[in-house]
Amino acid sequence: MRLRVEFTTEPFDLDEAPAHALVARGVIEAAELDAVDVGPFGNTAEGSADAVLTAVDALLRRTLESGATRISLQVNVIGETGAAAENGEADA
């Protein structure tokens, strides 16, 4: 299964990226994900279910430890991987 995660961390600071935002960027960029898009008001990444869920766990733990007071998160199934996709059973 392939997943897409979209997230933001708060509080915002338009003058300088807060520590929790830098940590979030580092977690996502270091994860084994593809199609990573990190921006000032929202971030997205795609990958296998295991890679996305592992990254989300690290993202939540490390950004909260770094001062985030709110994390908005959405995870969507965007397709299948492995045998189901190879057999034409994907819903992508």
C-alpha atoms as a PDB file:
ATOM      1  CA  MET A   1       0.000   0.000   0.000  1.00  0.00           C
ATOM      2  CA  ARG A   2       1.216   3.511  -0.808  1.00  0.00           C
ATOM      3  CA  LEU A   3       0.350   6.436   1.433  1.00  0.00           C
ATOM      4  CA  ARG A   4       0.536  10.218   1.223  1.00  0.00           C
ATOM      5  CA  VAL A   5       1.013  12.217   4.402  1.00  0.00           C
ATOM      6  CA  GLU A   6       0.257  15.923   4.648  1.00  0.00           C
ATOM      7  CA  PHE A   7       1.122  17.820   7.821  1.00  0.00           C
ATOM      8  CA  THR A   8       1.768  21.164   9.456  1.00  0.00           C
ATOM      9  CA  THR A   9       3.305  21.974  12.814  1.00  0.00           C
ATOM     10  CA  GLU A  10       2.470  24.948  15.000  1.00  0.00           C
ATOM     11  CA  PRO A  11       3.019  27.539  16.325  1.00  0.00           C
ATOM     12  CA  PHE A  12       3.878  29.392  13.135  1.00  0.00           C
ATOM     13  CA  ASP A  13       6.585  32.022  12.940  1.00  0.00           C
ATOM     14  CA  LEU A  14       6.691  33.896   9.656  1.00  0.00           C
ATOM     15  CA  ASP A  15      10.024  35.580  10.431  1.00  0.00           C
ATOM     16  CA  GLU A  16      12.082  32.502  11.313  1.00  0.00           C
ATOM     17  CA  ALA A  17      11.416  28.770  11.107  1.00  0.00           C
ATOM     18  CA  PRO A  18      10.819  27.428  14.624  1.00  0.00           C
ATOM     19  CA  ALA A  19      12.866  24.511  15.921  1.00  0.00           C
ATOM     20  CA  HIS A  20       9.948  22.084  15.583  1.00  0.00           C
ATOM     21  CA  ALA A  21       9.539  22.973  11.890  1.00  0.00           C
ATOM     22  CA  LEU A  22      13.229  22.329  11.236  1.00  0.00           C
ATOM     23  CA  VAL A  23      12.996  19.007  13.057  1.00  0.00           C
ATOM     24  CA  ALA A  24       9.922  18.037  11.000  1.00  0.00           C
ATOM     25  CA  ARG A  25      11.766  18.857   7.784  1.00  0.00           C
ATOM     26  CA  GLY A  26      14.756  16.784   8.890  1.00  0.00           C
ATOM     27  CA  VAL A  27      12.609  13.781   9.807  1.00  0.00           C
ATOM     28  CA  ILE A  28      10.794  13.767   6.473  1.00  0.00           C
ATOM     29  CA  GLU A  29      13.895  14.380   4.375  1.00  0.00           C
ATOM     30  CA  ALA A  30      15.804  11.584   6.168  1.00  0.00           C
ATOM     31  CA  ALA A  31      12.976   9.049   5.811  1.00  0.00           C
ATOM     32  CA  GLU A  32      12.789   6.595   2.938  1.00  0.00           C
ATOM     33  CA  LEU A  33       9.983   8.528   1.220  1.00  0.00           C
ATOM     34  CA  ASP A  34       9.494   9.843  -2.295  1.00  0.00           C
ATOM     35  CA  ALA A  35       7.777  12.937  -3.661  1.00  0.00           C
ATOM     36  CA  VAL A  36       8.721  14.988  -0.592  1.00  0.00           C
ATOM     37  CA  ASP A  37       7.514  18.606  -0.717  1.00  0.00           C
ATOM     38  CA  VAL A  38       8.422  20.741   2.299  1.00  0.00           C
ATOM     39  CA  GLY A  39       7.002  24.253   2.436  1.00  0.00           C
ATOM     40  CA  PRO A  40       6.295  27.042   4.925  1.00  0.00           C
ATOM     41  CA  PHE A  41       2.581  26.250   5.383  1.00  0.00           C
ATOM     42  CA  GLY A  42       2.324  22.564   4.606  1.00  0.00           C
ATOM     43  CA  ASN A  43       4.370  19.505   3.835  1.00  0.00           C
ATOM     44  CA  THR A  44       3.645  16.355   1.868  1.00  0.00           C
ATOM     45  CA  ALA A  45       5.437  13.094   1.250  1.00  0.00           C
ATOM     46  CA  GLU A  46       4.590   9.745  -0.290  1.00  0.00           C
ATOM     47  CA  GLY A  47       5.916   6.246   0.151  1.00  0.00           C
ATOM     48  CA  SER A  48       5.192   2.718   1.232  1.00  0.00           C
ATOM     49  CA  ALA A  49       2.888   2.304   4.212  1.00  0.00           C
ATOM     50  CA  ASP A  50       5.767   1.157   6.432  1.00  0.00           C
ATOM     51  CA  ALA A  51       7.968   4.112   5.464  1.00  0.00           C
ATOM     52  CA  VAL A  52       5.197   6.693   5.918  1.00  0.00           C
ATOM     53  CA  LEU A  53       4.000   5.275   9.245  1.00  0.00           C
ATOM     54  CA  THR A  54       7.556   5.082  10.588  1.00  0.00           C
ATOM     55  CA  ALA A  55       8.173   8.676   9.504  1.00  0.00           C
ATOM     56  CA  VAL A  56       4.882   9.851  11.074  1.00  0.00           C
ATOM     57  CA  ASP A  57       5.799   8.217  14.390  1.00  0.00           C
ATOM     58  CA  ALA A  58       9.188   9.967  14.402  1.00  0.00           C
ATOM     59  CA  LEU A  59       7.618  13.226  13.219  1.00  0.00           C
ATOM     60  CA  LEU A  60       5.084  13.300  16.041  1.00  0.00           C
ATOM     61  CA  ARG A  61       7.548  12.369  18.765  1.00  0.00           C
ATOM     62  CA  ARG A  62      10.401  14.629  17.681  1.00  0.00           C
ATOM     63  CA  THR A  63       8.373  17.742  16.812  1.00  0.00           C
ATOM     64  CA  LEU A  64       6.488  17.615  20.110  1.00  0.00           C
ATOM     65  CA  GLU A  65       9.829  17.270  21.918  1.00  0.00           C
ATOM     66  CA  SER A  66      11.047  20.309  19.954  1.00  0.00           C
ATOM     67  CA  GLY A  67       8.231  22.637  20.986  1.00  0.00           C
ATOM     68  CA  ALA A  68       5.322  21.982  18.622  1.00  0.00           C
ATOM     69  CA  THR A  69       2.009  22.659  20.337  1.00  0.00           C
ATOM     70  CA  ARG A  70      -0.162  21.376  17.499  1.00  0.00           C
ATOM     71  CA  ILE A  71       0.394  19.005  14.592  1.00  0.00           C
ATOM     72  CA  SER A  72      -2.243  18.721  11.888  1.00  0.00           C
ATOM     73  CA  LEU A  73      -1.904  15.474   9.997  1.00  0.00           C
ATOM     74  CA  GLN A  74      -3.709  13.718   7.182  1.00  0.00           C
ATOM     75  CA  VAL A  75      -2.821  10.318   5.731  1.00  0.00           C
ATOM     76  CA  ASN A  76      -4.368   9.048   2.487  1.00  0.00           C
ATOM     77  CA  VAL A  77      -4.104   5.717   0.709  1.00  0.00           C
ATOM     78  CA  ILE A  78      -3.001   6.522  -2.837  1.00  0.00           C
ATOM     79  CA  GLY A  79      -2.359   3.062  -4.270  1.00  0.00           C
ATOM     80  CA  GLU A  80      -1.115  -0.433  -3.815  1.00  0.00           C
ATOM     81  CA  THR A  81       2.392  -1.844  -4.007  1.00  0.00           C
ATOM     82  CA  GLY A  82       3.797  -5.311  -4.346  1.00  0.00           C
ATOM     83  CA  ALA A  83       1.893  -8.352  -5.638  1.00  0.00           C
ATOM     84  CA  ALA A  84      -1.528  -6.650  -5.757  1.00  0.00           C
ATOM     85  CA  ALA A  85      -0.235  -3.896  -8.060  1.00  0.00           C
ATOM     86  CA  GLU A  86       1.657  -6.372 -10.231  1.00  0.00           C
ATOM     87  CA  ASN A  87      -1.513  -8.448 -10.681  1.00  0.00           C
ATOM     88  CA  GLY A  88      -3.550  -5.420 -11.745  1.00  0.00           C
ATOM     89  CA  GLU A  89      -5.415  -5.215  -8.437  1.00  0.00           C
ATOM     90  CA  ALA A  90      -4.331  -1.675  -7.552  1.00  0.00           C
ATOM     91  CA  ASP A  91      -6.915   1.048  -7.015  1.00  0.00           C
ATOM     92  CA  ALA A  92      -4.545   3.934  -7.717  1.00  0.00           C
END
